[in-house]
Amino acid sequence: MYRSRMAEAYTKSLGKGHEVSSSGIQAELGLNGNIDPVTLEELEKDGISHLATATWRQTTQSMLNDADIVVILSKSLRNDMDDEYKIDESKTRVWDILDVDGVYDKIKSNVDSLISS
């Protein structure tokens, strides 16, 4: 469903000057190439599809170290990351958003809450 790219595009659309990027811990496997049509359609409804990263990039330790906030989109994904990365818990937020259709409103709500805090 490309949850992180939805969150990235929506955050950028708010125009608050936040630098945001999306990545995946298995991007190097090529499992999720270009953004899928369902996700694109959701973003197009808000007129923000152009703000989503077109392709998925691999998460790196450097990216995690340099980030002010790291949002991980599910508890299971957070557990998977323990094997590969050292994560600063103080700047990590875990959202429990399943990778299924219909999550865009939940993503927008979580982004709004994060930015307003």
N, C-alpha and C. Protein backbone atom coordinates (compact mmCIF):
# COMPACT_ATOMS: atom_id res chain seq x y z
N MET A 1 0.82 -1.20 0.00
CA MET A 1 0.00 0.00 0.00
C MET A 1 0.86 1.26 0.00
N TYR A 2 2.14 1.14 0.34
CA TYR A 2 3.03 2.29 0.25
C TYR A 2 2.68 3.37 1.28
N ARG A 3 2.51 2.93 2.50
CA ARG A 3 2.12 3.83 3.59
C ARG A 3 3.10 4.97 3.79
N SER A 4 4.39 4.68 3.75
CA SER A 4 5.36 5.74 4.04
C SER A 4 5.36 6.80 2.95
N ARG A 5 5.10 6.40 1.72
CA ARG A 5 5.07 7.41 0.66
C ARG A 5 3.81 8.26 0.75
N MET A 6 2.72 7.67 1.27
CA MET A 6 1.52 8.47 1.53
C MET A 6 1.82 9.51 2.62
N ALA A 7 2.46 9.06 3.69
CA ALA A 7 2.80 9.97 4.79
C ALA A 7 3.75 11.06 4.32
N GLU A 8 4.71 10.69 3.50
CA GLU A 8 5.66 11.66 2.96
C GLU A 8 4.93 12.73 2.14
N ALA A 9 4.10 12.31 1.20
CA ALA A 9 3.40 13.26 0.33
C ALA A 9 2.47 14.16 1.13
N TYR A 10 1.73 13.58 2.07
CA TYR A 10 0.81 14.39 2.87
C TYR A 10 1.57 15.40 3.72
N THR A 11 2.66 14.99 4.34
CA THR A 11 3.45 15.90 5.17
C THR A 11 3.99 17.06 4.32
N LYS A 12 4.51 16.74 3.16
CA LYS A 12 5.02 17.79 2.27
C LYS A 12 3.90 18.74 1.86
N SER A 13 2.70 18.22 1.69
CA SER A 13 1.57 19.05 1.23
C SER A 13 1.16 20.09 2.26
N LEU A 14 1.50 19.88 3.51
CA LEU A 14 1.12 20.82 4.57
C LEU A 14 1.91 22.12 4.50
N GLY A 15 3.04 22.09 3.78
CA GLY A 15 3.81 23.30 3.54
C GLY A 15 4.37 23.96 4.78
N LYS A 16 4.73 23.18 5.76
CA LYS A 16 5.25 23.73 7.01
C LYS A 16 6.77 23.72 7.05
N GLY A 17 7.41 23.38 5.94
CA GLY A 17 8.86 23.40 5.87
C GLY A 17 9.56 22.20 6.46
N HIS A 18 8.81 21.15 6.74
CA HIS A 18 9.42 19.94 7.28
C HIS A 18 10.12 19.17 6.16
N GLU A 19 11.33 18.75 6.43
CA GLU A 19 12.03 17.88 5.49
C GLU A 19 11.61 16.46 5.81
N VAL A 20 11.11 15.76 4.83
CA VAL A 20 10.57 14.42 5.06
C VAL A 20 10.97 13.51 3.91
N SER A 21 11.25 12.26 4.24
CA SER A 21 11.56 11.29 3.18
C SER A 21 11.02 9.93 3.60
N SER A 22 10.87 9.10 2.62
CA SER A 22 10.33 7.76 2.82
C SER A 22 11.37 6.74 2.38
N SER A 23 11.45 5.66 3.15
CA SER A 23 12.38 4.59 2.78
C SER A 23 11.84 3.27 3.32
N GLY A 24 12.49 2.19 2.93
CA GLY A 24 12.05 0.88 3.39
C GLY A 24 13.22 0.00 3.75
N ILE A 25 13.00 -0.90 4.70
CA ILE A 25 14.11 -1.76 5.14
C ILE A 25 14.38 -2.90 4.18
N GLN A 26 13.50 -3.11 3.22
CA GLN A 26 13.75 -4.15 2.22
C GLN A 26 13.70 -3.59 0.80
N ALA A 27 13.90 -2.30 0.65
CA ALA A 27 13.85 -1.68 -0.67
C ALA A 27 14.86 -2.27 -1.63
N GLU A 28 16.03 -2.65 -1.10
CA GLU A 28 17.08 -3.19 -1.96
C GLU A 28 16.66 -4.49 -2.63
N LEU A 29 15.62 -5.15 -2.10
CA LEU A 29 15.14 -6.39 -2.71
C LEU A 29 14.26 -6.13 -3.93
N GLY A 30 13.87 -4.88 -4.13
CA GLY A 30 13.07 -4.54 -5.28
C GLY A 30 11.64 -5.02 -5.22
N LEU A 31 11.12 -5.23 -4.03
CA LEU A 31 9.76 -5.75 -3.89
C LEU A 31 8.70 -4.69 -4.15
N ASN A 32 9.01 -3.45 -3.88
CA ASN A 32 8.04 -2.36 -4.03
C ASN A 32 8.61 -1.25 -4.89
N GLY A 33 8.64 -1.42 -6.15
CA GLY A 33 9.21 -0.43 -7.05
C GLY A 33 8.41 0.84 -7.11
N ASN A 34 7.88 1.14 -8.25
CA ASN A 34 7.11 2.37 -8.43
C ASN A 34 5.86 2.34 -7.56
N ILE A 35 5.39 3.53 -7.23
CA ILE A 35 4.20 3.66 -6.39
C ILE A 35 3.00 3.00 -7.08
N ASP A 36 2.20 2.29 -6.30
CA ASP A 36 1.12 1.52 -6.91
C ASP A 36 -0.08 2.39 -7.25
N PRO A 37 -0.92 1.93 -8.18
CA PRO A 37 -2.05 2.74 -8.66
C PRO A 37 -3.06 3.12 -7.58
N VAL A 38 -3.31 2.25 -6.62
CA VAL A 38 -4.28 2.57 -5.57
C VAL A 38 -3.77 3.73 -4.71
N THR A 39 -2.51 3.68 -4.35
CA THR A 39 -1.91 4.76 -3.57
C THR A 39 -1.91 6.05 -4.38
N LEU A 40 -1.53 5.97 -5.62
CA LEU A 40 -1.50 7.14 -6.49
C LEU A 40 -2.89 7.76 -6.60
N GLU A 41 -3.90 6.94 -6.73
CA GLU A 41 -5.28 7.43 -6.82
C GLU A 41 -5.69 8.18 -5.54
N GLU A 42 -5.33 7.64 -4.38
CA GLU A 42 -5.64 8.30 -3.11
C GLU A 42 -4.96 9.67 -3.05
N LEU A 43 -3.70 9.73 -3.43
CA LEU A 43 -2.97 10.99 -3.39
C LEU A 43 -3.49 11.98 -4.42
N GLU A 44 -3.92 11.48 -5.57
CA GLU A 44 -4.47 12.35 -6.61
C GLU A 44 -5.76 13.02 -6.17
N LYS A 45 -6.54 12.35 -5.32
CA LYS A 45 -7.78 12.94 -4.80
C LYS A 45 -7.47 14.23 -4.05
N ASP A 46 -6.34 14.28 -3.39
CA ASP A 46 -5.91 15.48 -2.66
C ASP A 46 -5.01 16.38 -3.51
N GLY A 47 -4.74 15.96 -4.74
CA GLY A 47 -3.89 16.76 -5.62
C GLY A 47 -2.43 16.79 -5.20
N ILE A 48 -1.98 15.71 -4.55
CA ILE A 48 -0.60 15.72 -4.03
C ILE A 48 0.24 14.54 -4.51
N SER A 49 -0.20 13.85 -5.53
CA SER A 49 0.55 12.69 -6.01
C SER A 49 1.97 13.06 -6.44
N HIS A 50 2.16 14.27 -6.90
CA HIS A 50 3.49 14.71 -7.34
C HIS A 50 4.47 14.86 -6.18
N LEU A 51 3.98 14.83 -4.94
CA LEU A 51 4.85 14.99 -3.78
C LEU A 51 5.38 13.67 -3.23
N ALA A 52 4.89 12.57 -3.75
CA ALA A 52 5.34 11.25 -3.30
C ALA A 52 6.60 10.85 -4.05
N THR A 53 7.53 10.24 -3.35
CA THR A 53 8.73 9.73 -3.99
C THR A 53 8.32 8.64 -4.97
N ALA A 54 8.85 8.72 -6.17
CA ALA A 54 8.43 7.79 -7.23
C ALA A 54 8.90 6.36 -6.98
N THR A 55 10.08 6.22 -6.43
CA THR A 55 10.60 4.88 -6.17
C THR A 55 11.00 4.75 -4.71
N TRP A 56 11.10 3.53 -4.28
CA TRP A 56 11.41 3.23 -2.90
C TRP A 56 12.91 3.21 -2.71
N ARG A 57 13.41 3.80 -1.66
CA ARG A 57 14.85 3.73 -1.40
C ARG A 57 15.12 3.00 -0.11
N GLN A 58 16.29 2.42 -0.04
CA GLN A 58 16.69 1.59 1.09
C GLN A 58 16.96 2.45 2.33
N THR A 59 16.40 2.05 3.47
CA THR A 59 16.73 2.68 4.73
C THR A 59 18.19 2.38 5.07
N THR A 60 18.89 3.37 5.58
CA THR A 60 20.28 3.17 6.00
C THR A 60 20.42 3.64 7.44
N GLN A 61 21.46 3.16 8.10
CA GLN A 61 21.74 3.59 9.47
C GLN A 61 21.98 5.09 9.51
N SER A 62 22.66 5.60 8.51
CA SER A 62 22.93 7.03 8.43
C SER A 62 21.64 7.84 8.39
N MET A 63 20.66 7.39 7.62
CA MET A 63 19.38 8.10 7.56
C MET A 63 18.73 8.14 8.94
N LEU A 64 18.75 7.02 9.63
CA LEU A 64 18.15 6.95 10.97
C LEU A 64 18.89 7.85 11.95
N ASN A 65 20.21 7.86 11.86
CA ASN A 65 21.01 8.69 12.76
C ASN A 65 20.76 10.18 12.54
N ASP A 66 20.61 10.57 11.28
CA ASP A 66 20.47 11.98 10.93
C ASP A 66 19.07 12.54 11.14
N ALA A 67 18.07 11.68 11.24
CA ALA A 67 16.69 12.12 11.35
C ALA A 67 16.38 12.70 12.73
N ASP A 68 15.54 13.71 12.76
CA ASP A 68 15.05 14.25 14.02
C ASP A 68 13.97 13.34 14.61
N ILE A 69 13.13 12.81 13.74
CA ILE A 69 12.07 11.88 14.13
C ILE A 69 12.06 10.74 13.12
N VAL A 70 11.96 9.52 13.62
CA VAL A 70 11.84 8.34 12.77
C VAL A 70 10.45 7.75 13.03
N VAL A 71 9.64 7.71 11.98
CA VAL A 71 8.31 7.11 12.10
C VAL A 71 8.37 5.73 11.47
N ILE A 72 7.99 4.74 12.25
CA ILE A 72 7.93 3.36 11.77
C ILE A 72 6.45 2.99 11.75
N LEU A 73 6.00 2.47 10.63
CA LEU A 73 4.57 2.38 10.40
C LEU A 73 3.86 1.17 10.98
N SER A 74 4.58 0.26 11.60
CA SER A 74 3.90 -0.85 12.28
C SER A 74 4.81 -1.44 13.35
N LYS A 75 4.20 -2.07 14.32
CA LYS A 75 4.95 -2.71 15.40
C LYS A 75 5.82 -3.85 14.87
N SER A 76 5.28 -4.62 13.93
CA SER A 76 6.06 -5.74 13.39
C SER A 76 7.28 -5.24 12.61
N LEU A 77 7.11 -4.15 11.90
CA LEU A 77 8.23 -3.56 11.17
C LEU A 77 9.30 -3.07 12.14
N ARG A 78 8.87 -2.51 13.24
CA ARG A 78 9.82 -2.06 14.27
C ARG A 78 10.63 -3.24 14.79
N ASN A 79 9.98 -4.36 15.02
CA ASN A 79 10.68 -5.56 15.48
C ASN A 79 11.67 -6.05 14.43
N ASP A 80 11.30 -6.02 13.17
CA ASP A 80 12.19 -6.44 12.08
C ASP A 80 13.44 -5.57 12.00
N MET A 81 13.31 -4.32 12.34
CA MET A 81 14.42 -3.39 12.25
C MET A 81 15.50 -3.65 13.30
N ASP A 82 15.13 -4.29 14.39
CA ASP A 82 16.10 -4.55 15.46
C ASP A 82 17.30 -5.36 14.99
N ASP A 83 17.09 -6.22 14.01
CA ASP A 83 18.19 -7.06 13.52
C ASP A 83 19.20 -6.28 12.67
N GLU A 84 18.75 -5.19 12.07
CA GLU A 84 19.58 -4.48 11.11
C GLU A 84 20.11 -3.14 11.58
N TYR A 85 19.38 -2.50 12.49
CA TYR A 85 19.68 -1.10 12.80
C TYR A 85 19.74 -0.85 14.30
N LYS A 86 20.52 0.18 14.65
CA LYS A 86 20.50 0.71 16.01
C LYS A 86 19.59 1.92 15.96
N ILE A 87 18.54 1.90 16.78
CA ILE A 87 17.53 2.93 16.71
C ILE A 87 17.46 3.70 18.02
N ASP A 88 17.51 5.01 17.92
CA ASP A 88 17.38 5.88 19.07
C ASP A 88 15.90 5.96 19.44
N GLU A 89 15.54 5.30 20.52
CA GLU A 89 14.13 5.23 20.93
C GLU A 89 13.53 6.59 21.23
N SER A 90 14.36 7.54 21.65
CA SER A 90 13.83 8.85 22.02
C SER A 90 13.26 9.63 20.83
N LYS A 91 13.70 9.29 19.63
CA LYS A 91 13.17 9.99 18.45
C LYS A 91 12.33 9.09 17.55
N THR A 92 11.95 7.94 18.06
CA THR A 92 11.18 6.98 17.27
C THR A 92 9.71 7.01 17.65
N ARG A 93 8.86 7.02 16.63
CA ARG A 93 7.42 6.90 16.81
C ARG A 93 6.97 5.68 16.03
N VAL A 94 6.21 4.81 16.67
CA VAL A 94 5.68 3.62 15.98
C VAL A 94 4.17 3.80 15.83
N TRP A 95 3.74 3.82 14.59
CA TRP A 95 2.30 3.89 14.30
C TRP A 95 1.87 2.48 13.94
N ASP A 96 0.80 2.04 14.46
CA ASP A 96 0.33 0.69 14.15
C ASP A 96 -0.69 0.76 13.01
N ILE A 97 -0.17 0.98 11.80
CA ILE A 97 -1.02 1.11 10.61
C ILE A 97 -0.72 -0.07 9.69
N LEU A 98 -1.72 -0.90 9.50
CA LEU A 98 -1.55 -2.07 8.64
C LEU A 98 -1.36 -1.66 7.19
N ASP A 99 -0.69 -2.49 6.45
CA ASP A 99 -0.41 -2.24 5.03
C ASP A 99 -1.56 -2.77 4.19
N VAL A 100 -2.69 -2.06 4.24
CA VAL A 100 -3.91 -2.48 3.53
C VAL A 100 -4.55 -1.26 2.88
N ASP A 101 -5.49 -1.50 1.99
CA ASP A 101 -6.24 -0.41 1.38
C ASP A 101 -7.01 0.36 2.45
N GLY A 102 -7.25 1.63 2.21
CA GLY A 102 -8.08 2.43 3.09
C GLY A 102 -7.39 3.02 4.31
N VAL A 103 -6.07 3.10 4.31
CA VAL A 103 -5.36 3.63 5.48
C VAL A 103 -4.98 5.11 5.35
N TYR A 104 -5.27 5.71 4.23
CA TYR A 104 -4.81 7.08 3.99
C TYR A 104 -5.33 8.06 5.05
N ASP A 105 -6.60 7.96 5.43
CA ASP A 105 -7.14 8.88 6.44
C ASP A 105 -6.44 8.70 7.79
N LYS A 106 -6.11 7.46 8.13
CA LYS A 106 -5.40 7.20 9.38
C LYS A 106 -3.99 7.79 9.32
N ILE A 107 -3.34 7.65 8.19
CA ILE A 107 -2.01 8.23 8.01
C ILE A 107 -2.08 9.75 8.15
N LYS A 108 -3.06 10.37 7.49
CA LYS A 108 -3.19 11.83 7.59
C LYS A 108 -3.42 12.27 9.04
N SER A 109 -4.25 11.54 9.75
CA SER A 109 -4.52 11.86 11.15
C SER A 109 -3.26 11.76 12.00
N ASN A 110 -2.48 10.72 11.79
CA ASN A 110 -1.24 10.55 12.55
C ASN A 110 -0.21 11.62 12.21
N VAL A 111 -0.11 11.99 10.95
CA VAL A 111 0.80 13.06 10.55
C VAL A 111 0.37 14.37 11.22
N ASP A 112 -0.92 14.66 11.17
CA ASP A 112 -1.42 15.90 11.79
C ASP A 112 -1.09 15.94 13.29
N SER A 113 -1.28 14.81 13.96
CA SER A 113 -0.98 14.74 15.40
C SER A 113 0.51 14.93 15.66
N LEU A 114 1.35 14.30 14.86
CA LEU A 114 2.79 14.41 15.03
C LEU A 114 3.27 15.84 14.83
N ILE A 115 2.77 16.48 13.81
CA ILE A 115 3.23 17.83 13.48
C ILE A 115 2.72 18.85 14.50
N SER A 116 1.56 18.62 15.05
CA SER A 116 1.01 19.57 16.01
C SER A 116 1.60 19.40 17.41
N SER A 117 2.33 18.30 17.63
CA SER A 117 2.88 18.09 18.98
C SER A 117 4.22 18.75 19.17
